[in-house]
């Protein structure tokens, strides 16, 4: 009976660590501005494309906008990102409520 309990505790601890690490990775990527960096990179590409278009117009080349505008309709919403987002949201909620209740308990204990 103790071995089953020990196995469940080990599995629960591993799952907790996995969820904690996932939360930390998602939080750091959001905080570090990973998506903002890629958006900035895309703006730089657009500016370079605009300069190329302007240069071609100055040279008198026959230009069409479809040669310079590349439509990209990439959707980043998928099951993995949705699950990761909801998991990190729940973990954040649990951690913040746990810290709040722990701090209020300690405040009541010491003020008491």
Protein backbone atom coordinates (compact mmCIF):
# COMPACT_ATOMS: atom_id res chain seq x y z
CA UNK A 1 0.00 0.00 0.00
CA UNK A 2 2.85 2.38 0.83
CA UNK A 3 4.50 1.74 -2.55
CA UNK A 4 1.36 2.82 -4.40
CA UNK A 5 1.14 5.95 -2.29
CA UNK A 6 4.82 6.68 -2.85
CA UNK A 7 4.42 6.19 -6.62
CA UNK A 8 1.46 8.56 -6.71
CA UNK A 9 3.38 11.16 -4.73
CA UNK A 10 6.36 10.87 -7.08
CA UNK A 11 4.11 11.23 -10.13
CA UNK A 12 2.28 14.18 -8.55
CA UNK A 13 5.55 15.92 -7.74
CA UNK A 14 6.86 15.36 -11.29
CA UNK A 15 3.64 16.75 -12.77
CA UNK A 16 3.85 19.74 -10.46
CA UNK A 17 7.45 20.44 -11.50
CA UNK A 18 6.54 20.05 -15.17
CA UNK A 19 3.67 22.52 -14.80
CA UNK A 20 5.85 24.93 -12.84
CA UNK A 21 8.61 24.82 -15.46
CA UNK A 22 6.05 25.30 -18.25
CA UNK A 23 4.63 28.30 -16.46
CA UNK A 24 8.07 29.82 -15.92
CA UNK A 25 9.05 29.32 -19.58
CA UNK A 26 5.81 30.91 -20.84
CA UNK A 27 6.10 33.76 -18.37
CA UNK A 28 9.72 34.49 -19.36
CA UNK A 29 8.93 34.39 -23.08
CA UNK A 30 6.06 36.84 -22.54
CA UNK A 31 8.13 39.10 -20.31
CA UNK A 32 11.16 39.11 -22.58
CA UNK A 33 9.13 40.42 -25.50
CA UNK A 34 9.65 37.46 -27.82
CA UNK A 35 6.54 38.21 -29.88
CA UNK A 36 7.27 41.95 -29.92
CA UNK A 37 10.73 41.19 -31.32
CA UNK A 38 9.25 39.21 -34.19
CA UNK A 39 6.71 41.97 -34.88
CA UNK A 40 9.56 44.51 -34.97
CA UNK A 41 11.50 42.26 -37.33
CA UNK A 42 8.48 42.11 -39.66
CA UNK A 43 8.24 45.92 -39.65
CA UNK A 44 11.91 46.13 -40.65
CA UNK A 45 11.23 43.76 -43.55
CA UNK A 46 8.31 45.91 -44.64
CA UNK A 47 10.47 49.05 -44.57
CA UNK A 48 13.12 47.31 -46.67
CA UNK A 49 10.45 46.21 -49.15
CA UNK A 50 9.11 49.77 -49.35
CA UNK A 51 12.61 51.12 -50.08
CA UNK A 52 13.06 48.53 -52.81
CA UNK A 53 9.71 49.50 -54.34
CA UNK A 54 10.62 53.19 -54.24
CA UNK A 55 13.99 52.50 -55.86
CA UNK A 56 12.35 50.48 -58.62
CA UNK A 57 9.82 53.27 -59.24
CA UNK A 58 12.65 55.84 -59.42
CA UNK A 59 14.46 53.66 -61.95
CA UNK A 60 11.30 53.53 -64.05
CA UNK A 61 10.74 49.79 -63.78
CA UNK A 62 7.30 48.34 -64.37
CA UNK A 63 6.18 47.48 -60.86
CA UNK A 64 3.13 45.82 -59.42
CA UNK A 65 2.36 45.72 -55.74
CA UNK A 66 1.88 41.97 -55.78
CA UNK A 67 5.61 41.61 -56.44
CA UNK A 68 6.40 43.39 -53.19
CA UNK A 69 3.54 42.45 -50.90
CA UNK A 70 3.54 38.91 -49.67
CA UNK A 71 0.37 38.04 -47.87
CA UNK A 72 0.87 35.79 -44.93
CA UNK A 73 -2.08 34.51 -43.07
CA UNK A 74 -0.48 32.51 -40.31
CA UNK A 75 -2.68 31.53 -37.43
CA UNK A 76 -0.83 30.72 -34.28
CA UNK A 77 -3.85 29.51 -32.36
CA UNK A 78 -3.66 25.79 -31.98
CA UNK A 79 -4.50 23.30 -29.28
CA UNK A 80 -0.98 23.31 -27.80
CA UNK A 81 -0.84 27.09 -27.42
CA UNK A 82 -4.38 27.21 -26.04
CA UNK A 83 -3.60 24.48 -23.51
CA UNK A 84 -0.32 26.16 -22.54
CA UNK A 85 -2.03 29.51 -22.09
CA UNK A 86 -4.86 28.13 -19.98
CA UNK A 87 -2.45 26.05 -17.90
CA UNK A 88 -0.21 29.03 -17.21
CA UNK A 89 -3.25 31.15 -16.37
CA UNK A 90 -4.51 28.55 -13.89
CA UNK A 91 -1.07 28.04 -12.35
CA UNK A 92 -0.68 31.80 -11.96
CA UNK A 93 -4.07 31.98 -10.29
CA UNK A 94 -3.24 29.11 -7.93
CA UNK A 95 0.19 30.51 -7.05
CA UNK A 96 -1.08 34.06 -6.45
CA UNK A 97 -4.00 32.84 -4.32
CA UNK A 98 -1.69 30.47 -2.45
CA UNK A 99 0.76 33.26 -1.72
CA UNK A 100 -2.03 35.63 -0.68
CA UNK A 101 -3.54 33.12 1.71
CA UNK A 102 -0.11 32.17 3.10
CA UNK A 103 0.78 35.81 3.70
CA UNK A 104 -2.57 36.57 5.32
CA UNK A 105 -2.17 33.50 7.56
CA UNK A 106 1.34 34.58 8.55
CA UNK A 107 0.09 38.13 9.18
CA UNK A 108 -2.64 36.86 11.46
CA UNK A 109 -0.19 34.54 13.19
CA UNK A 110 2.31 37.28 14.00
CA UNK A 111 -0.18 40.08 14.65
CA UNK A 112 -2.35 37.99 16.60
